[in-house]
Amino acid sequence: MKDFRRFHPIAWAVLIGTVFVTIAKTMSVPFLAIYLSQQTDLSPGMIGMVIGLGPLASTVGGLIGGTLSDRFGRKTVMIISLFGMSLVFVGYSYTVHPVLLALLSIANGLCGSFFDPVSKALLADVTEKELRVRIFSLHYLSINVGHAIGPLIGAGAGLSGGVSPFLITAIVYFLYPIVLLGMLNRFGVKRIETEETGRVALFASLRVLTRDRALKWLVLGGVLSMTVHGQMSVTLSQHLEQSMPNAVWLFSVLLSVNSLVVIIGQVPLGRWVEKKEPLTGVLGGSILLAVGEVGFAFSSGWAAYMLSMILFTIGEVLLVPSEYALIDRITPEGMRGTYYGGVTLSNLGNFLGPWVGSMVLGAFGGTAMFLMYGLIALVGIFFYRRGLLAYHTKTEKGSVGLG
């Protein structure tokens, strides 16, 4: 608790706000496909494409948003992106035109990807270096608390097929930036931005990213790890449906186990990770992801699946904040938004995981698919290690410049 008191008020505003906006978003977005199927004449394939445009846009959106935040300041990008999200959800409520829905999905992905890395960069700006792993762990916890609560509220209130949840989400996204703006002005964000963010030219900062070998390796490692854990529920549900009786109930239990382990384990596991080198957390997390996947491959009963999910989730809890601690280590001062935004390229794994996994599942079965995921998790360790080695080599030779 003593260390918690060392967190900046703005950090608490971001953490608490993340819980509420995640609750609001997850009480509506998981039901978007149902809503579109009820309110439009779009085919299932078209609905999937419309929804998929959001994650696709977010793959590059974070890079742009993070770079803009280094150029124009965290506050500007965060506030605009949150108000933009509010408008997106108003739009979902009042249009059924396919082209407009596609544009809204793209805007959703872009605004979300602008806010996420910039909020992490702001958390790092206002947090002492030795506490950054903990703040990243708490941010991850905030997201998972929202994910655990939001869908239950949406389904329990009978909102899954109607307009109301999108308007509620829009209201939350409208109110949050007003509160956040007040906090940022009250606690001196101008001073923080002057000290922590640069005013480098947009294309100059992007050139730095293309030259930084350490970041390239870490992003590749992130793509592989995201392939394994980013959209795990998609392929797991498909496998269970093919191989287990009462698959829907088992899948629901496994998702609850996942959320419960994150919520209970985040603080103690985060404390352990912050005492270690970031690479130690990445190594431990990747290995446990692989062990969990092997467990899924050979499970035949509920208990085995639940144990595998526990190990898998512990690996995820160790890995995610450690990844950002590694990125924080290699990030030059004044370019935190740019580098954190560059990491969102790892979201490509959110597309590759379900796509490649589903193909392997269809061709070779679930055992082969989970073993493939386990191997990918272990291969990711190589890229993370290369990234850290490239960083040490760079620091010995001198920092990358903007020239």
Protein backbone atom coordinates (compact mmCIF):
# COMPACT_ATOMS: atom_id res chain seq x y z
CA MET A 1 0.00 0.00 0.00
CA LYS A 2 2.93 2.31 0.70
CA ASP A 3 4.08 2.05 -2.93
CA PHE A 4 0.52 2.58 -4.17
CA ARG A 5 0.56 6.00 -2.49
CA ARG A 6 3.55 6.88 -4.67
CA PHE A 7 1.43 6.65 -7.82
CA HIS A 8 0.56 9.99 -9.39
CA PRO A 9 -3.13 11.05 -9.23
CA ILE A 10 -3.20 11.04 -13.03
CA ALA A 11 -2.08 7.39 -12.99
CA TRP A 12 -5.04 6.53 -10.75
CA ALA A 13 -7.36 8.49 -13.03
CA VAL A 14 -6.17 6.44 -16.02
CA LEU A 15 -6.44 3.11 -14.13
CA ILE A 16 -9.92 3.75 -12.73
CA GLY A 17 -11.12 5.24 -16.00
CA THR A 18 -9.83 2.18 -17.85
CA VAL A 19 -12.06 -0.04 -15.70
CA PHE A 20 -15.17 2.00 -16.51
CA VAL A 21 -14.57 2.44 -20.24
CA THR A 22 -13.73 -1.27 -20.57
CA ILE A 23 -16.96 -2.19 -18.76
CA ALA A 24 -18.89 0.13 -21.05
CA LYS A 25 -17.21 -1.18 -24.18
CA THR A 26 -17.54 -4.88 -23.31
CA MET A 27 -21.22 -4.57 -22.42
CA SER A 28 -21.85 -3.69 -26.06
CA VAL A 29 -19.02 -4.74 -28.41
CA PRO A 30 -19.25 -8.52 -27.73
CA PHE A 31 -22.88 -8.31 -28.86
CA LEU A 32 -22.17 -6.24 -31.97
CA ALA A 33 -22.46 -9.27 -34.26
CA ILE A 34 -25.86 -10.13 -32.75
CA TYR A 35 -27.00 -6.53 -33.11
CA LEU A 36 -25.93 -6.34 -36.76
CA SER A 37 -27.57 -9.67 -37.58
CA GLN A 38 -30.85 -8.41 -36.10
CA GLN A 39 -30.77 -4.88 -37.46
CA THR A 40 -29.22 -5.36 -40.93
CA ASP A 41 -29.42 -7.69 -43.91
CA LEU A 42 -25.68 -8.34 -43.87
CA SER A 43 -24.53 -11.94 -44.27
CA PRO A 44 -22.49 -13.54 -41.47
CA GLY A 45 -19.38 -13.20 -43.63
CA MET A 46 -19.99 -9.49 -44.18
CA ILE A 47 -20.66 -8.95 -40.48
CA GLY A 48 -17.37 -10.66 -39.68
CA MET A 49 -15.55 -8.48 -42.20
CA VAL A 50 -17.11 -5.27 -40.86
CA ILE A 51 -16.17 -6.12 -37.27
CA GLY A 52 -12.71 -7.32 -38.33
CA LEU A 53 -11.86 -3.97 -39.92
CA GLY A 54 -11.49 -2.50 -36.43
CA PRO A 55 -8.63 -4.75 -35.22
CA LEU A 56 -7.01 -4.44 -38.64
CA ALA A 57 -7.03 -0.64 -38.41
CA SER A 58 -5.71 -0.79 -34.85
CA THR A 59 -2.60 -2.65 -36.03
CA VAL A 60 -1.17 0.55 -37.53
CA GLY A 61 -3.29 3.07 -35.63
CA GLY A 62 -1.31 2.77 -32.41
CA LEU A 63 1.91 3.67 -34.22
CA ILE A 64 0.32 6.82 -35.64
CA GLY A 65 -1.36 7.81 -32.37
CA GLY A 66 1.74 7.24 -30.27
CA THR A 67 3.88 9.28 -32.65
CA LEU A 68 1.32 12.10 -32.69
CA SER A 69 1.30 12.12 -28.89
CA ASP A 70 5.05 12.74 -28.88
CA ARG A 71 4.52 15.54 -31.36
CA PHE A 72 1.41 17.25 -29.96
CA GLY A 73 1.18 15.92 -26.38
CA ARG A 74 -0.55 13.04 -24.58
CA LYS A 75 -3.56 15.10 -23.52
CA THR A 76 -4.55 16.17 -27.03
CA VAL A 77 -4.43 12.68 -28.53
CA MET A 78 -6.15 10.97 -25.59
CA ILE A 79 -9.03 13.44 -25.34
CA ILE A 80 -9.69 13.49 -29.08
CA SER A 81 -9.59 9.69 -29.31
CA LEU A 82 -12.04 9.27 -26.40
CA PHE A 83 -14.52 11.75 -27.85
CA GLY A 84 -14.08 9.98 -31.17
CA MET A 85 -15.02 6.66 -29.54
CA SER A 86 -18.15 8.31 -28.16
CA LEU A 87 -19.19 9.38 -31.65
CA VAL A 88 -18.47 5.89 -32.99
CA PHE A 89 -20.90 4.26 -30.58
CA VAL A 90 -23.56 6.88 -31.30
CA GLY A 91 -23.08 5.97 -34.94
CA TYR A 92 -23.53 2.24 -34.23
CA SER A 93 -26.87 3.09 -32.64
CA TYR A 94 -28.31 4.96 -35.61
CA THR A 95 -27.00 3.49 -38.84
CA VAL A 96 -27.42 0.17 -40.62
CA HIS A 97 -25.72 1.18 -43.90
CA PRO A 98 -22.88 -1.29 -44.66
CA VAL A 99 -20.41 1.38 -45.81
CA LEU A 100 -21.05 3.55 -42.75
CA LEU A 101 -20.76 0.52 -40.47
CA ALA A 102 -17.43 -0.34 -42.07
CA LEU A 103 -16.18 3.23 -41.58
CA LEU A 104 -17.37 3.18 -37.96
CA SER A 105 -15.50 -0.06 -37.37
CA ILE A 106 -12.32 1.44 -38.80
CA ALA A 107 -12.79 4.57 -36.67
CA ASN A 108 -13.39 2.35 -33.62
CA GLY A 109 -10.11 0.53 -34.21
CA LEU A 110 -8.17 3.72 -34.85
CA CYS A 111 -9.51 5.65 -31.84
CA GLY A 112 -9.01 2.68 -29.53
CA SER A 113 -5.47 2.12 -30.78
CA PHE A 114 -4.69 5.83 -30.39
CA PHE A 115 -5.82 5.82 -26.76
CA ASP A 116 -4.26 2.57 -25.55
CA PRO A 117 -0.52 3.15 -26.20
CA VAL A 118 -0.81 6.85 -25.35
CA SER A 119 -2.42 6.03 -22.00
CA LYS A 120 0.42 3.60 -21.28
CA ALA A 121 2.95 6.23 -22.27
CA LEU A 122 1.27 8.72 -19.93
CA LEU A 123 1.34 6.15 -17.11
CA ALA A 124 5.09 5.78 -17.67
CA ASP A 125 5.53 9.56 -17.83
CA VAL A 126 4.02 10.09 -14.38
CA THR A 127 5.41 6.95 -12.68
CA GLU A 128 8.83 6.45 -11.15
CA LYS A 129 10.96 4.04 -13.16
CA GLU A 130 11.11 1.36 -10.46
CA LEU A 131 7.30 1.29 -10.24
CA ARG A 132 6.54 1.05 -13.95
CA VAL A 133 6.22 -2.74 -14.06
CA ARG A 134 3.66 -2.48 -11.27
CA ILE A 135 1.69 0.26 -13.00
CA PHE A 136 1.63 -1.79 -16.22
CA SER A 137 0.41 -4.79 -14.21
CA LEU A 138 -2.35 -2.72 -12.63
CA HIS A 139 -3.34 -1.35 -16.03
CA TYR A 140 -3.63 -4.91 -17.34
CA LEU A 141 -5.67 -5.79 -14.24
CA SER A 142 -7.97 -2.81 -14.86
CA ILE A 143 -8.68 -4.03 -18.38
CA ASN A 144 -9.44 -7.56 -17.19
CA VAL A 145 -11.73 -6.37 -14.39
CA GLY A 146 -13.69 -4.49 -17.04
CA HIS A 147 -13.78 -7.56 -19.29
CA ALA A 148 -15.06 -9.68 -16.41
CA ILE A 149 -17.91 -7.29 -15.53
CA GLY A 150 -19.00 -5.69 -18.80
CA PRO A 151 -20.40 -8.69 -20.73
CA LEU A 152 -22.29 -9.87 -17.64
CA ILE A 153 -23.99 -6.48 -17.31
CA GLY A 154 -24.82 -6.39 -21.00
CA ALA A 155 -26.26 -9.91 -21.07
CA GLY A 156 -27.90 -9.73 -17.64
CA ALA A 157 -29.71 -6.51 -18.46
CA GLY A 158 -31.07 -8.03 -21.65
CA LEU A 159 -29.25 -5.50 -23.79
CA SER A 160 -27.52 -7.88 -26.17
CA GLY A 161 -29.74 -7.23 -29.14
CA GLY A 162 -30.76 -3.59 -28.77
CA VAL A 163 -29.50 -0.07 -29.30
CA SER A 164 -29.26 0.93 -25.62
CA PRO A 165 -25.83 -0.55 -24.76
CA PHE A 166 -24.18 1.41 -27.56
CA LEU A 167 -25.66 4.67 -26.29
CA ILE A 168 -24.59 3.85 -22.73
CA THR A 169 -21.07 3.16 -24.01
CA ALA A 170 -21.14 6.45 -25.93
CA ILE A 171 -22.11 8.36 -22.77
CA VAL A 172 -19.27 6.81 -20.76
CA TYR A 173 -16.77 7.64 -23.50
CA PHE A 174 -18.10 11.21 -23.51
CA LEU A 175 -17.91 11.71 -19.74
CA TYR A 176 -14.52 10.07 -19.15
CA PRO A 177 -12.45 12.55 -21.20
CA ILE A 178 -14.18 15.45 -19.41
CA VAL A 179 -13.10 14.02 -16.04
CA LEU A 180 -9.66 13.12 -17.38
CA LEU A 181 -9.16 16.58 -18.85
CA GLY A 182 -9.91 18.11 -15.48
CA MET A 183 -7.38 15.83 -13.81
CA LEU A 184 -4.72 16.53 -16.43
CA ASN A 185 -5.16 20.29 -16.04
CA ARG A 186 -5.35 20.09 -12.24
CA PHE A 187 -2.15 18.08 -11.79
CA GLY A 188 0.17 19.80 -14.21
CA VAL A 189 0.18 17.72 -17.37
CA LYS A 190 1.83 20.60 -19.26
CA ARG A 191 4.87 20.34 -17.03
CA ILE A 192 4.92 16.55 -17.38
CA GLU A 193 4.68 16.75 -21.16
CA THR A 194 7.42 19.38 -21.30
CA GLU A 195 9.72 17.11 -19.33
CA GLU A 196 8.79 13.74 -20.79
CA THR A 197 7.72 14.24 -24.41
CA GLY A 198 9.68 15.57 -27.32
CA ARG A 199 8.59 17.75 -30.19
CA VAL A 200 10.38 15.75 -32.85
CA ALA A 201 9.12 15.81 -36.42
CA LEU A 202 6.61 13.10 -37.27
CA PHE A 203 8.57 11.48 -40.10
CA ALA A 204 11.85 11.80 -38.22
CA SER A 205 10.43 9.82 -35.33
CA LEU A 206 9.05 7.17 -37.69
CA ARG A 207 12.52 6.87 -39.24
CA VAL A 208 13.92 6.11 -35.80
CA LEU A 209 11.48 3.21 -35.48
CA THR A 210 12.57 1.73 -38.79
CA ARG A 211 16.22 1.95 -37.71
CA ASP A 212 15.83 0.55 -34.21
CA ARG A 213 16.72 -3.14 -34.49
CA ALA A 214 15.85 -3.76 -30.83
CA LEU A 215 12.29 -2.57 -31.33
CA LYS A 216 11.91 -4.65 -34.49
CA TRP A 217 12.91 -7.82 -32.65
CA LEU A 218 10.63 -7.06 -29.71
CA VAL A 219 7.69 -6.36 -32.03
CA LEU A 220 8.27 -9.70 -33.79
CA GLY A 221 8.34 -11.41 -30.40
CA GLY A 222 5.12 -9.59 -29.54
CA VAL A 223 3.45 -10.77 -32.74
CA LEU A 224 4.25 -14.37 -31.86
CA SER A 225 3.10 -14.11 -28.24
CA MET A 226 -0.07 -12.28 -29.32
CA THR A 227 -0.70 -15.07 -31.84
CA VAL A 228 -0.79 -17.47 -28.88
CA HIS A 229 -2.74 -15.53 -26.25
CA GLY A 230 -4.39 -12.59 -28.03
CA GLN A 231 -7.50 -14.34 -29.38
CA MET A 232 -7.13 -17.64 -27.55
CA SER A 233 -10.88 -17.97 -26.99
CA VAL A 234 -11.65 -18.23 -30.71
CA THR A 235 -9.78 -21.45 -31.44
CA LEU A 236 -10.32 -22.93 -27.98
CA SER A 237 -14.07 -22.65 -28.36
CA GLN A 238 -13.92 -24.28 -31.80
CA HIS A 239 -11.88 -27.18 -30.45
CA LEU A 240 -14.17 -27.75 -27.47
CA GLU A 241 -17.25 -27.70 -29.67
CA GLN A 242 -15.77 -30.50 -31.76
CA SER A 243 -14.38 -32.64 -28.98
CA MET A 244 -16.25 -32.17 -25.69
CA PRO A 245 -19.83 -32.66 -24.47
CA ASN A 246 -21.36 -29.58 -22.83
CA ALA A 247 -18.75 -27.52 -24.68
CA VAL A 248 -20.53 -24.21 -24.11
CA TRP A 249 -20.57 -24.69 -20.34
CA LEU A 250 -16.96 -25.81 -20.23
CA PHE A 251 -15.88 -22.87 -22.37
CA SER A 252 -17.75 -20.43 -20.10
CA VAL A 253 -16.08 -21.95 -17.04
CA LEU A 254 -12.65 -21.68 -18.65
CA LEU A 255 -13.20 -18.01 -19.49
CA SER A 256 -14.26 -17.40 -15.88
CA VAL A 257 -11.13 -19.20 -14.66
CA ASN A 258 -9.05 -17.00 -16.96
CA SER A 259 -10.58 -13.80 -15.58
CA LEU A 260 -10.41 -15.01 -11.97
CA VAL A 261 -6.72 -15.92 -12.20
CA VAL A 262 -5.92 -12.53 -13.74
CA ILE A 263 -7.83 -10.62 -11.06
CA ILE A 264 -6.47 -12.64 -8.12
CA GLY A 265 -2.97 -13.19 -9.41
CA GLN A 266 -2.13 -9.87 -11.02
CA VAL A 267 -0.88 -8.04 -7.90
CA PRO A 268 1.25 -10.84 -6.32
CA LEU A 269 2.62 -11.97 -9.68
CA GLY A 270 3.26 -8.37 -10.65
CA ARG A 271 5.23 -7.83 -7.44
CA TRP A 272 7.36 -10.88 -8.27
CA VAL A 273 8.00 -9.71 -11.82
CA GLU A 274 9.01 -6.18 -10.82
CA LYS A 275 11.80 -7.64 -8.65
CA LYS A 276 13.22 -9.46 -11.67
CA GLU A 277 14.65 -8.40 -14.99
CA PRO A 278 11.88 -7.86 -17.57
CA LEU A 279 13.31 -10.65 -19.71
CA THR A 280 12.82 -13.06 -16.79
CA GLY A 281 9.09 -12.31 -16.78
CA VAL A 282 8.95 -12.73 -20.55
CA LEU A 283 10.78 -16.06 -20.38
CA GLY A 284 8.64 -17.39 -17.53
CA GLY A 285 5.44 -16.17 -19.16
CA SER A 286 6.29 -17.66 -22.56
CA ILE A 287 7.20 -21.02 -21.04
CA LEU A 288 3.94 -21.16 -19.05
CA LEU A 289 1.96 -20.23 -22.17
CA ALA A 290 3.62 -23.17 -23.92
CA VAL A 291 2.92 -25.51 -20.97
CA GLY A 292 -0.71 -24.42 -20.94
CA GLU A 293 -1.03 -25.09 -24.68
CA VAL A 294 0.47 -28.56 -24.27
CA GLY A 295 -2.04 -29.13 -21.48
CA PHE A 296 -4.91 -28.11 -23.79
CA ALA A 297 -3.54 -30.48 -26.45
CA PHE A 298 -3.80 -33.54 -24.22
CA SER A 299 -6.70 -32.65 -21.91
CA SER A 300 -9.71 -34.93 -21.90
CA GLY A 301 -11.69 -33.73 -18.87
CA TRP A 302 -12.81 -30.54 -17.17
CA ALA A 303 -10.16 -30.64 -14.43
CA ALA A 304 -7.31 -30.97 -16.94
CA TYR A 305 -8.64 -28.09 -19.04
CA MET A 306 -9.03 -25.89 -15.97
CA LEU A 307 -5.48 -26.64 -14.77
CA SER A 308 -4.15 -25.88 -18.25
CA MET A 309 -6.05 -22.60 -18.29
CA ILE A 310 -4.62 -21.62 -14.90
CA LEU A 311 -1.05 -22.21 -16.12
CA PHE A 312 -1.76 -20.46 -19.41
CA THR A 313 -3.23 -17.42 -17.65
CA ILE A 314 -0.35 -17.14 -15.18
CA GLY A 315 1.95 -17.08 -18.20
CA GLU A 316 -0.13 -14.29 -19.73
CA VAL A 317 -0.06 -12.28 -16.49
CA LEU A 318 3.73 -12.57 -16.33
CA LEU A 319 4.29 -11.82 -19.99
CA VAL A 320 2.16 -8.76 -20.73
CA PRO A 321 3.61 -6.22 -18.23
CA SER A 322 7.11 -7.60 -18.79
CA GLU A 323 6.80 -6.88 -22.51
CA TYR A 324 6.03 -3.24 -21.78
CA ALA A 325 8.86 -3.07 -19.27
CA LEU A 326 11.21 -4.21 -22.03
CA ILE A 327 9.82 -1.57 -24.39
CA ASP A 328 10.19 1.06 -21.67
CA ARG A 329 13.84 0.07 -21.27
CA ILE A 330 14.73 0.57 -24.94
CA THR A 331 12.67 3.76 -25.40
CA PRO A 332 14.60 7.05 -25.81
CA GLU A 333 13.37 9.97 -23.73
CA GLY A 334 10.85 12.09 -25.58
CA MET A 335 9.71 9.22 -27.82
CA ARG A 336 7.75 7.06 -25.42
CA GLY A 337 4.47 7.50 -27.28
CA THR A 338 6.12 6.62 -30.59
CA TYR A 339 7.68 3.44 -29.24
CA TYR A 340 4.62 2.32 -27.29
CA GLY A 341 2.57 2.97 -30.40
CA GLY A 342 5.00 0.91 -32.47
CA VAL A 343 4.33 -2.06 -30.22
CA THR A 344 0.71 -2.13 -31.38
CA LEU A 345 2.00 -3.68 -34.60
CA SER A 346 2.04 -6.82 -32.44
CA ASN A 347 -1.75 -6.80 -32.80
CA LEU A 348 -1.14 -8.54 -36.11
CA GLY A 349 -1.04 -11.65 -33.92
CA ASN A 350 -4.73 -11.09 -33.09
CA PHE A 351 -5.42 -11.76 -36.76
CA LEU A 352 -2.85 -14.51 -37.34
CA GLY A 353 -3.79 -16.54 -34.25
CA PRO A 354 -7.43 -17.32 -35.12
CA TRP A 355 -6.73 -17.56 -38.85
CA VAL A 356 -3.73 -19.92 -38.77
CA GLY A 357 -5.06 -21.82 -35.76
CA SER A 358 -8.42 -22.46 -37.39
CA MET A 359 -6.73 -23.78 -40.53
CA VAL A 360 -4.53 -26.14 -38.52
CA LEU A 361 -7.53 -27.23 -36.44
CA GLY A 362 -9.50 -28.07 -39.57
CA ALA A 363 -6.64 -29.90 -41.26
CA PHE A 364 -4.89 -31.70 -38.39
CA GLY A 365 -7.09 -31.41 -35.27
CA GLY A 366 -6.87 -29.69 -31.91
CA THR A 367 -3.81 -31.51 -30.58
CA ALA A 368 -1.67 -30.33 -33.48
CA MET A 369 -3.07 -26.80 -33.20
CA PHE A 370 -2.27 -26.43 -29.49
CA LEU A 371 1.21 -27.94 -29.92
CA MET A 372 1.82 -25.44 -32.72
CA TYR A 373 0.81 -22.60 -30.38
CA GLY A 374 3.14 -23.94 -27.70
CA LEU A 375 6.03 -23.99 -30.16
CA ILE A 376 5.25 -20.42 -31.29
CA ALA A 377 5.33 -19.24 -27.66
CA LEU A 378 8.79 -20.74 -27.21
CA VAL A 379 10.10 -19.34 -30.51
CA GLY A 380 8.98 -15.91 -29.31
CA ILE A 381 11.63 -16.10 -26.56
CA PHE A 382 14.34 -16.02 -29.25
CA PHE A 383 13.04 -12.72 -30.63
CA TYR A 384 12.75 -11.10 -27.20
CA ARG A 385 16.32 -12.11 -26.38
CA ARG A 386 17.56 -10.77 -29.71
CA GLY A 387 15.76 -7.51 -29.04
CA LEU A 388 17.46 -7.04 -25.68
CA LEU A 389 20.83 -7.99 -27.19
CA ALA A 390 20.34 -5.45 -29.99
CA TYR A 391 19.53 -2.79 -27.39
CA HIS A 392 22.70 -3.50 -25.41
CA THR A 393 24.72 -3.41 -28.62
CA LYS A 394 23.15 -0.08 -29.57
CA THR A 395 23.85 1.50 -26.19
CA GLU A 396 27.48 0.45 -26.41
CA LYS A 397 27.80 2.12 -29.81
CA GLY A 398 25.67 5.17 -29.01
CA SER A 399 21.98 6.02 -29.24
CA VAL A 400 20.08 6.16 -32.50
CA GLY A 401 19.74 9.72 -33.69
CA LEU A 402 17.04 11.62 -35.53
CA GLY A 403 19.24 12.73 -38.38
